[in-house]
């Protein structure tokens, strides 16, 4: 995300808070109550966002994790593509030998 995007999102949230305050004031709440309720709404939104963020962190579904996995897969695929037929046969034999020696497979 670019810096200008972050600034735009921040300004949008700031203006949405002011709009919510004005809407609550026009709905008949006094200034203090409108301020409290607008803070309650935005605090709830912030806590909800933090919970979704933590969920993505602990489940490793973040963009960085996906990019790292894609990179590792691409490197392994490139190594396989560069191997000769003899090397591939040797690797296949090693894998089969490993499966036979590992009883948990």
N, C-alpha and C. Protein backbone atom coordinates (compact mmCIF):
# COMPACT_ATOMS: atom_id res chain seq x y z
N UNK A 1 0.85 -1.16 0.00
CA UNK A 1 0.00 0.00 0.00
C UNK A 1 0.90 1.24 0.00
N UNK A 2 0.55 2.17 -0.82
CA UNK A 2 1.34 3.40 -0.92
C UNK A 2 1.00 4.36 0.21
N UNK A 3 1.91 5.28 0.44
CA UNK A 3 1.72 6.26 1.51
C UNK A 3 0.47 7.10 1.28
N UNK A 4 0.21 7.49 0.03
CA UNK A 4 -0.96 8.32 -0.26
C UNK A 4 -2.25 7.55 0.02
N UNK A 5 -2.22 6.22 -0.18
CA UNK A 5 -3.39 5.40 0.13
C UNK A 5 -3.67 5.41 1.63
N UNK A 6 -2.62 5.28 2.42
CA UNK A 6 -2.78 5.29 3.88
C UNK A 6 -3.31 6.64 4.35
N UNK A 7 -2.79 7.72 3.77
CA UNK A 7 -3.27 9.07 4.12
C UNK A 7 -4.74 9.21 3.74
N UNK A 8 -5.09 8.73 2.56
CA UNK A 8 -6.49 8.81 2.12
C UNK A 8 -7.43 8.02 3.01
N UNK A 9 -7.01 6.81 3.38
CA UNK A 9 -7.84 6.00 4.27
C UNK A 9 -7.99 6.67 5.63
N UNK A 10 -6.89 7.21 6.15
CA UNK A 10 -6.94 7.90 7.44
C UNK A 10 -7.88 9.10 7.40
N UNK A 11 -7.78 9.89 6.34
CA UNK A 11 -8.69 11.04 6.20
C UNK A 11 -10.14 10.59 6.06
N UNK A 12 -10.35 9.51 5.32
CA UNK A 12 -11.71 8.99 5.15
C UNK A 12 -12.31 8.54 6.47
N UNK A 13 -11.52 7.86 7.28
CA UNK A 13 -12.01 7.41 8.58
C UNK A 13 -12.28 8.61 9.49
N UNK A 14 -11.37 9.60 9.45
CA UNK A 14 -11.55 10.81 10.25
C UNK A 14 -12.86 11.52 9.86
N UNK A 15 -13.09 11.64 8.56
CA UNK A 15 -14.31 12.31 8.09
C UNK A 15 -15.55 11.48 8.41
N UNK A 16 -15.42 10.14 8.34
CA UNK A 16 -16.56 9.29 8.69
C UNK A 16 -16.92 9.46 10.16
N UNK A 17 -15.91 9.62 11.02
CA UNK A 17 -16.17 9.87 12.44
C UNK A 17 -16.91 11.17 12.64
N UNK A 18 -16.47 12.22 11.94
CA UNK A 18 -17.17 13.51 12.04
C UNK A 18 -18.58 13.41 11.50
N UNK A 19 -18.75 12.67 10.40
CA UNK A 19 -20.10 12.49 9.84
C UNK A 19 -21.01 11.72 10.78
N UNK A 20 -20.46 10.70 11.42
CA UNK A 20 -21.25 9.94 12.39
C UNK A 20 -21.66 10.82 13.57
N UNK A 21 -20.71 11.65 14.04
CA UNK A 21 -21.02 12.57 15.14
C UNK A 21 -22.14 13.53 14.73
N UNK A 22 -22.02 14.10 13.51
CA UNK A 22 -23.06 15.02 13.05
C UNK A 22 -24.41 14.31 12.89
N UNK A 23 -24.39 13.08 12.37
CA UNK A 23 -25.64 12.34 12.19
C UNK A 23 -26.29 12.06 13.53
N UNK A 24 -25.48 11.68 14.51
CA UNK A 24 -26.05 11.42 15.84
C UNK A 24 -26.57 12.71 16.48
N UNK A 25 -25.86 13.82 16.25
CA UNK A 25 -26.32 15.11 16.78
C UNK A 25 -27.64 15.51 16.13
N UNK A 26 -27.73 15.32 14.82
CA UNK A 26 -28.98 15.66 14.12
C UNK A 26 -30.11 14.72 14.50
N UNK A 27 -29.77 13.50 14.94
CA UNK A 27 -30.79 12.54 15.35
C UNK A 27 -31.37 12.89 16.73
N UNK A 28 -30.76 13.89 17.40
CA UNK A 28 -31.34 14.33 18.65
C UNK A 28 -30.47 14.11 19.87
N UNK A 29 -29.32 13.50 19.73
CA UNK A 29 -28.45 13.32 20.88
C UNK A 29 -27.71 14.63 21.16
N UNK A 30 -27.41 14.87 22.43
CA UNK A 30 -26.61 16.05 22.75
C UNK A 30 -25.16 15.78 22.34
N UNK A 31 -24.32 16.80 22.39
CA UNK A 31 -22.95 16.69 21.91
C UNK A 31 -22.12 15.63 22.62
N UNK A 32 -22.29 15.54 23.92
CA UNK A 32 -21.51 14.56 24.69
C UNK A 32 -21.93 13.14 24.35
N UNK A 33 -23.23 12.89 24.30
CA UNK A 33 -23.72 11.54 23.96
C UNK A 33 -23.33 11.16 22.54
N UNK A 34 -23.45 12.11 21.61
CA UNK A 34 -23.08 11.82 20.22
C UNK A 34 -21.59 11.49 20.13
N UNK A 35 -20.77 12.22 20.89
CA UNK A 35 -19.33 11.95 20.89
C UNK A 35 -19.01 10.58 21.48
N UNK A 36 -19.69 10.24 22.56
CA UNK A 36 -19.46 8.94 23.20
C UNK A 36 -19.86 7.81 22.26
N UNK A 37 -21.04 7.92 21.65
CA UNK A 37 -21.50 6.85 20.77
C UNK A 37 -20.66 6.74 19.51
N UNK A 38 -20.18 7.84 18.99
CA UNK A 38 -19.31 7.74 17.81
C UNK A 38 -17.98 7.09 18.20
N UNK A 39 -17.49 7.37 19.40
CA UNK A 39 -16.27 6.70 19.88
C UNK A 39 -16.51 5.22 20.10
N UNK A 40 -17.68 4.87 20.61
CA UNK A 40 -18.01 3.45 20.82
C UNK A 40 -18.02 2.70 19.49
N UNK A 41 -18.62 3.31 18.48
CA UNK A 41 -18.69 2.67 17.16
C UNK A 41 -17.29 2.49 16.59
N UNK A 42 -16.47 3.51 16.65
CA UNK A 42 -15.13 3.41 16.06
C UNK A 42 -14.20 2.53 16.89
N UNK A 43 -14.37 2.49 18.20
CA UNK A 43 -13.57 1.58 19.01
C UNK A 43 -13.96 0.14 18.70
N UNK A 44 -15.24 -0.12 18.55
CA UNK A 44 -15.70 -1.46 18.15
C UNK A 44 -15.16 -1.85 16.79
N UNK A 45 -15.17 -0.92 15.84
CA UNK A 45 -14.61 -1.19 14.52
C UNK A 45 -13.12 -1.49 14.57
N UNK A 46 -12.41 -0.72 15.40
CA UNK A 46 -10.97 -0.94 15.54
C UNK A 46 -10.68 -2.31 16.16
N UNK A 47 -11.43 -2.66 17.20
CA UNK A 47 -11.23 -3.97 17.83
C UNK A 47 -11.57 -5.11 16.86
N UNK A 48 -12.61 -4.93 16.07
CA UNK A 48 -12.95 -5.93 15.06
C UNK A 48 -11.85 -6.10 14.04
N UNK A 49 -11.28 -4.98 13.58
CA UNK A 49 -10.19 -5.05 12.61
C UNK A 49 -8.97 -5.74 13.21
N UNK A 50 -8.65 -5.41 14.47
CA UNK A 50 -7.50 -6.04 15.14
C UNK A 50 -7.72 -7.55 15.26
N UNK A 51 -8.94 -7.97 15.57
CA UNK A 51 -9.21 -9.41 15.68
C UNK A 51 -9.05 -10.11 14.33
N UNK A 52 -9.52 -9.49 13.24
CA UNK A 52 -9.34 -10.11 11.93
C UNK A 52 -7.86 -10.15 11.55
N UNK A 53 -7.11 -9.10 11.92
CA UNK A 53 -5.68 -9.07 11.63
C UNK A 53 -4.95 -10.18 12.39
N UNK A 54 -5.25 -10.31 13.67
CA UNK A 54 -4.60 -11.36 14.47
C UNK A 54 -4.97 -12.75 13.96
N UNK A 55 -6.21 -12.91 13.51
CA UNK A 55 -6.62 -14.20 12.94
C UNK A 55 -5.77 -14.52 11.71
N UNK A 56 -5.56 -13.52 10.83
CA UNK A 56 -4.74 -13.76 9.64
C UNK A 56 -3.28 -14.01 10.00
N UNK A 57 -2.78 -13.36 11.05
CA UNK A 57 -1.39 -13.56 11.47
C UNK A 57 -1.20 -14.99 11.98
N UNK A 58 -2.07 -15.43 12.87
CA UNK A 58 -1.88 -16.74 13.48
C UNK A 58 -2.24 -17.89 12.54
N UNK A 59 -3.09 -17.64 11.55
CA UNK A 59 -3.39 -18.69 10.57
C UNK A 59 -2.44 -18.62 9.38
N UNK A 60 -1.51 -17.67 9.40
CA UNK A 60 -0.50 -17.46 8.36
C UNK A 60 -1.14 -17.28 6.98
N UNK A 61 -2.19 -16.49 6.91
CA UNK A 61 -2.82 -16.15 5.63
C UNK A 61 -2.53 -14.70 5.25
N UNK A 62 -1.36 -14.22 5.68
CA UNK A 62 -0.96 -12.85 5.35
C UNK A 62 -0.33 -12.84 3.96
N UNK A 63 -0.27 -11.69 3.34
CA UNK A 63 0.31 -11.56 2.01
C UNK A 63 1.76 -12.00 2.00
N UNK A 64 2.53 -11.63 3.01
CA UNK A 64 3.94 -12.00 3.06
C UNK A 64 4.11 -13.51 3.06
N UNK A 65 3.32 -14.20 3.88
CA UNK A 65 3.43 -15.66 3.95
C UNK A 65 3.12 -16.30 2.60
N UNK A 66 2.10 -15.79 1.91
CA UNK A 66 1.73 -16.33 0.61
C UNK A 66 2.83 -16.06 -0.42
N UNK A 67 3.41 -14.85 -0.40
CA UNK A 67 4.50 -14.54 -1.32
C UNK A 67 5.71 -15.42 -1.06
N UNK A 68 6.03 -15.67 0.20
CA UNK A 68 7.16 -16.52 0.55
C UNK A 68 6.92 -17.96 0.08
N UNK A 69 5.72 -18.46 0.26
CA UNK A 69 5.40 -19.81 -0.19
C UNK A 69 5.49 -19.90 -1.71
N UNK A 70 4.94 -18.91 -2.42
CA UNK A 70 5.01 -18.90 -3.89
C UNK A 70 6.46 -18.86 -4.37
N UNK A 71 7.30 -18.07 -3.69
CA UNK A 71 8.71 -17.98 -4.06
C UNK A 71 9.41 -19.32 -3.85
N UNK A 72 9.18 -19.95 -2.70
CA UNK A 72 9.80 -21.25 -2.43
C UNK A 72 9.36 -22.29 -3.45
N UNK A 73 8.08 -22.29 -3.80
CA UNK A 73 7.58 -23.23 -4.80
C UNK A 73 8.24 -22.97 -6.17
N UNK A 74 8.40 -21.69 -6.53
CA UNK A 74 9.01 -21.36 -7.81
C UNK A 74 10.48 -21.79 -7.85
N UNK A 75 11.20 -21.60 -6.73
CA UNK A 75 12.61 -22.01 -6.67
C UNK A 75 12.73 -23.52 -6.80
N UNK A 76 11.89 -24.25 -6.08
CA UNK A 76 11.93 -25.71 -6.16
C UNK A 76 11.57 -26.19 -7.56
N UNK A 77 10.59 -25.56 -8.19
CA UNK A 77 10.20 -25.95 -9.55
C UNK A 77 11.34 -25.67 -10.52
N UNK A 78 12.02 -24.55 -10.37
CA UNK A 78 13.14 -24.23 -11.25
C UNK A 78 14.26 -25.24 -11.09
N UNK A 79 14.53 -25.64 -9.83
CA UNK A 79 15.56 -26.66 -9.60
C UNK A 79 15.18 -27.98 -10.23
N UNK A 80 13.92 -28.35 -10.13
CA UNK A 80 13.47 -29.59 -10.77
C UNK A 80 13.59 -29.51 -12.29
N UNK A 81 13.24 -28.36 -12.85
CA UNK A 81 13.33 -28.18 -14.31
C UNK A 81 14.76 -28.26 -14.81
N UNK A 82 15.72 -27.84 -13.98
CA UNK A 82 17.12 -27.83 -14.39
C UNK A 82 17.80 -29.18 -14.21
N UNK A 83 17.16 -30.11 -13.53
CA UNK A 83 17.76 -31.42 -13.28
C UNK A 83 17.71 -32.28 -14.55
N UNK A 84 18.76 -33.08 -14.73
CA UNK A 84 18.78 -34.01 -15.87
C UNK A 84 17.90 -35.21 -15.54
N UNK A 85 17.67 -36.04 -16.58
CA UNK A 85 16.84 -37.22 -16.37
C UNK A 85 17.47 -38.17 -15.36
N UNK A 86 18.80 -38.27 -15.39
CA UNK A 86 19.50 -39.16 -14.45
C UNK A 86 19.33 -38.65 -13.01
N UNK A 87 19.45 -37.34 -12.83
CA UNK A 87 19.30 -36.77 -11.49
C UNK A 87 17.87 -36.94 -10.98
N UNK A 88 16.89 -36.79 -11.88
CA UNK A 88 15.49 -36.99 -11.49
C UNK A 88 15.24 -38.45 -11.10
N UNK A 89 15.83 -39.39 -11.84
CA UNK A 89 15.67 -40.79 -11.51
C UNK A 89 16.32 -41.10 -10.16
N UNK A 90 17.49 -40.50 -9.90
CA UNK A 90 18.17 -40.71 -8.63
C UNK A 90 17.33 -40.13 -7.48
N UNK A 91 16.77 -38.95 -7.68
CA UNK A 91 15.92 -38.34 -6.66
C UNK A 91 14.68 -39.20 -6.40
N UNK A 92 14.08 -39.72 -7.47
CA UNK A 92 12.92 -40.59 -7.32
C UNK A 92 13.28 -41.84 -6.53
N UNK A 93 14.45 -42.41 -6.82
CA UNK A 93 14.89 -43.61 -6.09
C UNK A 93 15.11 -43.30 -4.62
N UNK A 94 15.69 -42.14 -4.32
CA UNK A 94 15.91 -41.75 -2.92
C UNK A 94 14.58 -41.55 -2.19
N UNK A 95 13.60 -40.97 -2.87
CA UNK A 95 12.29 -40.76 -2.26
C UNK A 95 11.62 -42.10 -1.98
N UNK A 96 11.72 -43.02 -2.92
CA UNK A 96 11.09 -44.33 -2.73
C UNK A 96 11.78 -45.08 -1.59
N UNK A 97 13.11 -44.96 -1.50
CA UNK A 97 13.85 -45.62 -0.42
C UNK A 97 13.47 -45.01 0.92
N UNK A 98 13.26 -43.71 0.95
CA UNK A 98 12.85 -43.04 2.18
C UNK A 98 11.47 -43.47 2.63
N UNK A 99 10.55 -43.69 1.67
CA UNK A 99 9.21 -44.14 2.01
C UNK A 99 9.22 -45.55 2.57
N UNK A 100 10.09 -46.40 2.02
CA UNK A 100 10.16 -47.79 2.49
C UNK A 100 10.75 -47.88 3.89
N UNK A 101 11.72 -46.98 4.19
CA UNK A 101 12.36 -47.03 5.51
C UNK A 101 11.55 -46.32 6.59
N UNK A 102 10.58 -45.49 6.18
CA UNK A 102 9.76 -44.75 7.15
C UNK A 102 8.42 -45.47 7.30
N UNK A 103 8.21 -46.16 8.41
CA UNK A 103 6.97 -46.93 8.57
C UNK A 103 5.72 -46.07 8.77
N UNK A 104 5.89 -44.78 9.09
CA UNK A 104 4.72 -43.93 9.35
C UNK A 104 4.06 -43.47 8.06
N UNK A 105 4.71 -43.65 6.90
CA UNK A 105 4.14 -43.21 5.62
C UNK A 105 3.13 -44.18 5.09
